[in-house]
């Protein structure tokens, strides 16, 4: 929904809806043997067209339930200072986003597509700030999620 200045406003999901989604995901994952790293959002699959479920969706709760993969906060905190000292270039972010599973062109620049995809990644793993701008925290999260 568009709010003041045309900016998209994301409203919190009702607890009952999330409780139902968690149970539904639990059943589907069990029935089909789906690994946590294969539970995705529309914004993961089609980031140039989709932003849902958006930054208010409680991915961390699904992670706490063992239903999705989540970066280890201690590892993120340990890696963040190195990225604060030297932020990787666009090619690094594009390569890591591709390793994570996004279909992204490796242009070597922070183009509109890279910004959009990085913003969708941030909505999921760091919803407090999802402007698509590269930063140390996003780099640390990407590094943890894509490390062998």
Protein backbone atom coordinates (compact mmCIF):
# COMPACT_ATOMS: atom_id res chain seq x y z
CA UNK A 1 0.00 0.00 0.00
CA UNK A 2 1.32 3.45 -0.91
CA UNK A 3 1.75 5.84 1.96
CA UNK A 4 2.94 9.44 2.28
CA UNK A 5 5.12 10.53 -0.64
CA UNK A 6 4.22 7.38 -2.58
CA UNK A 7 6.49 5.22 -0.41
CA UNK A 8 5.26 1.67 0.11
CA UNK A 9 4.01 1.05 3.64
CA UNK A 10 4.21 -2.50 4.97
CA UNK A 11 1.82 -3.39 7.76
CA UNK A 12 2.50 -6.09 10.35
CA UNK A 13 0.97 -9.47 9.76
CA UNK A 14 -1.68 -10.55 12.28
CA UNK A 15 -0.39 -13.13 14.76
CA UNK A 16 -3.13 -15.59 13.79
CA UNK A 17 -2.11 -15.39 10.13
CA UNK A 18 1.55 -16.01 10.95
CA UNK A 19 0.69 -18.89 13.28
CA UNK A 20 -1.27 -20.44 10.42
CA UNK A 21 1.54 -19.85 7.92
CA UNK A 22 4.10 -21.43 10.26
CA UNK A 23 1.95 -24.53 10.67
CA UNK A 24 1.27 -24.72 6.93
CA UNK A 25 4.98 -24.41 6.10
CA UNK A 26 5.77 -27.06 8.72
CA UNK A 27 3.29 -29.47 7.11
CA UNK A 28 4.45 -28.82 3.53
CA UNK A 29 8.13 -29.13 4.47
CA UNK A 30 7.49 -32.42 6.27
CA UNK A 31 5.27 -33.85 3.54
CA UNK A 32 7.71 -33.08 0.73
CA UNK A 33 11.04 -33.32 2.55
CA UNK A 34 11.97 -29.72 1.71
CA UNK A 35 15.24 -28.45 3.16
CA UNK A 36 15.21 -25.13 5.07
CA UNK A 37 17.43 -23.49 2.44
CA UNK A 38 14.76 -24.25 -0.18
CA UNK A 39 11.91 -22.38 1.53
CA UNK A 40 11.68 -19.15 -0.43
CA UNK A 41 9.59 -16.03 -0.89
CA UNK A 42 8.21 -14.59 -4.10
CA UNK A 43 10.82 -11.84 -3.68
CA UNK A 44 13.57 -14.51 -3.70
CA UNK A 45 12.37 -16.08 -6.94
CA UNK A 46 11.26 -13.00 -8.90
CA UNK A 47 12.99 -10.04 -7.22
CA UNK A 48 12.47 -7.70 -10.17
CA UNK A 49 8.70 -8.22 -10.04
CA UNK A 50 7.91 -9.13 -6.44
CA UNK A 51 8.61 -7.69 -3.01
CA UNK A 52 6.28 -9.92 -1.02
CA UNK A 53 6.07 -10.96 1.68
CA UNK A 54 7.97 -7.75 2.52
CA UNK A 55 10.02 -6.58 5.49
CA UNK A 56 7.37 -7.21 8.13
CA UNK A 57 7.18 -10.94 7.43
CA UNK A 58 8.74 -12.76 10.41
CA UNK A 59 11.39 -14.86 8.66
CA UNK A 60 13.34 -15.10 11.92
CA UNK A 61 10.38 -16.89 13.52
CA UNK A 62 10.37 -19.44 10.71
CA UNK A 63 14.11 -19.84 11.24
CA UNK A 64 13.61 -20.33 14.99
CA UNK A 65 11.09 -23.06 14.12
CA UNK A 66 13.77 -24.74 11.94
CA UNK A 67 11.85 -24.07 8.74
CA UNK A 68 14.25 -21.69 6.95
CA UNK A 69 17.97 -21.04 6.92
CA UNK A 70 19.19 -18.07 8.93
CA UNK A 71 22.65 -16.53 9.33
CA UNK A 72 24.38 -17.19 12.64
CA UNK A 73 24.37 -13.79 14.45
CA UNK A 74 27.73 -14.46 16.11
CA UNK A 75 29.36 -15.15 12.73
CA UNK A 76 27.75 -12.04 11.23
CA UNK A 77 29.05 -9.92 14.13
CA UNK A 78 32.53 -11.43 13.76
CA UNK A 79 32.71 -10.71 10.02
CA UNK A 80 31.12 -7.26 10.05
CA UNK A 81 34.23 -5.28 11.20
CA UNK A 82 36.23 -6.46 8.18
CA UNK A 83 33.48 -5.21 5.88
CA UNK A 84 33.30 -1.93 7.79
CA UNK A 85 37.01 -1.49 7.07
CA UNK A 86 36.67 -2.36 3.37
CA UNK A 87 33.31 -2.81 1.71
CA UNK A 88 33.38 -5.22 -1.26
CA UNK A 89 32.66 -3.96 -4.75
CA UNK A 90 29.53 -4.57 -6.84
CA UNK A 91 31.00 -7.69 -8.45
CA UNK A 92 31.43 -9.31 -5.02
CA UNK A 93 27.84 -8.52 -4.01
CA UNK A 94 26.52 -9.81 -7.35
CA UNK A 95 28.53 -13.02 -7.06
CA UNK A 96 27.35 -13.64 -3.49
CA UNK A 97 23.73 -12.88 -4.36
CA UNK A 98 24.01 -15.36 -7.25
CA UNK A 99 25.56 -17.96 -4.94
CA UNK A 100 22.65 -17.41 -2.57
CA UNK A 101 20.29 -18.21 -5.45
CA UNK A 102 19.30 -14.93 -7.07
CA UNK A 103 19.28 -14.70 -10.86
CA UNK A 104 21.42 -11.59 -11.16
CA UNK A 105 23.49 -10.20 -14.01
CA UNK A 106 27.14 -9.75 -13.11
CA UNK A 107 27.59 -6.21 -14.43
CA UNK A 108 30.16 -5.17 -11.86
CA UNK A 109 28.13 -2.06 -11.06
CA UNK A 110 25.48 -1.21 -8.51
CA UNK A 111 22.84 -0.92 -11.20
CA UNK A 112 19.08 -0.77 -10.67
CA UNK A 113 18.69 -4.55 -10.75
CA UNK A 114 21.44 -5.11 -8.19
CA UNK A 115 19.94 -2.46 -5.92
CA UNK A 116 16.49 -4.05 -6.18
CA UNK A 117 17.76 -7.57 -5.51
CA UNK A 118 19.95 -6.42 -2.63
CA UNK A 119 16.92 -4.60 -1.17
CA UNK A 120 14.84 -7.80 -1.35
CA UNK A 121 17.66 -9.70 0.36
CA UNK A 122 17.75 -7.05 3.09
CA UNK A 123 13.95 -7.23 3.54
CA UNK A 124 14.33 -10.87 4.47
CA UNK A 125 17.53 -10.92 6.51
CA UNK A 126 17.82 -7.33 7.77
CA UNK A 127 14.38 -5.72 7.55
CA UNK A 128 15.31 -2.68 9.61
CA UNK A 129 16.98 -1.16 6.52
CA UNK A 130 16.19 -2.43 3.03
CA UNK A 131 17.16 0.37 0.70
CA UNK A 132 19.30 -1.87 -1.49
CA UNK A 133 22.47 0.01 -0.64
CA UNK A 134 25.50 -2.14 0.09
CA UNK A 135 26.77 -1.92 3.64
CA UNK A 136 28.93 -3.87 6.07
CA UNK A 137 26.05 -5.66 7.79
CA UNK A 138 24.52 -6.83 4.51
CA UNK A 139 27.95 -7.97 3.31
CA UNK A 140 28.52 -9.91 6.55
CA UNK A 141 25.13 -11.61 6.30
CA UNK A 142 25.74 -12.53 2.64
CA UNK A 143 29.19 -13.82 3.52
CA UNK A 144 27.87 -16.03 6.31
CA UNK A 145 25.01 -17.40 4.19
CA UNK A 146 27.22 -18.18 1.20
CA UNK A 147 30.33 -19.46 2.97
CA UNK A 148 31.13 -23.09 2.19
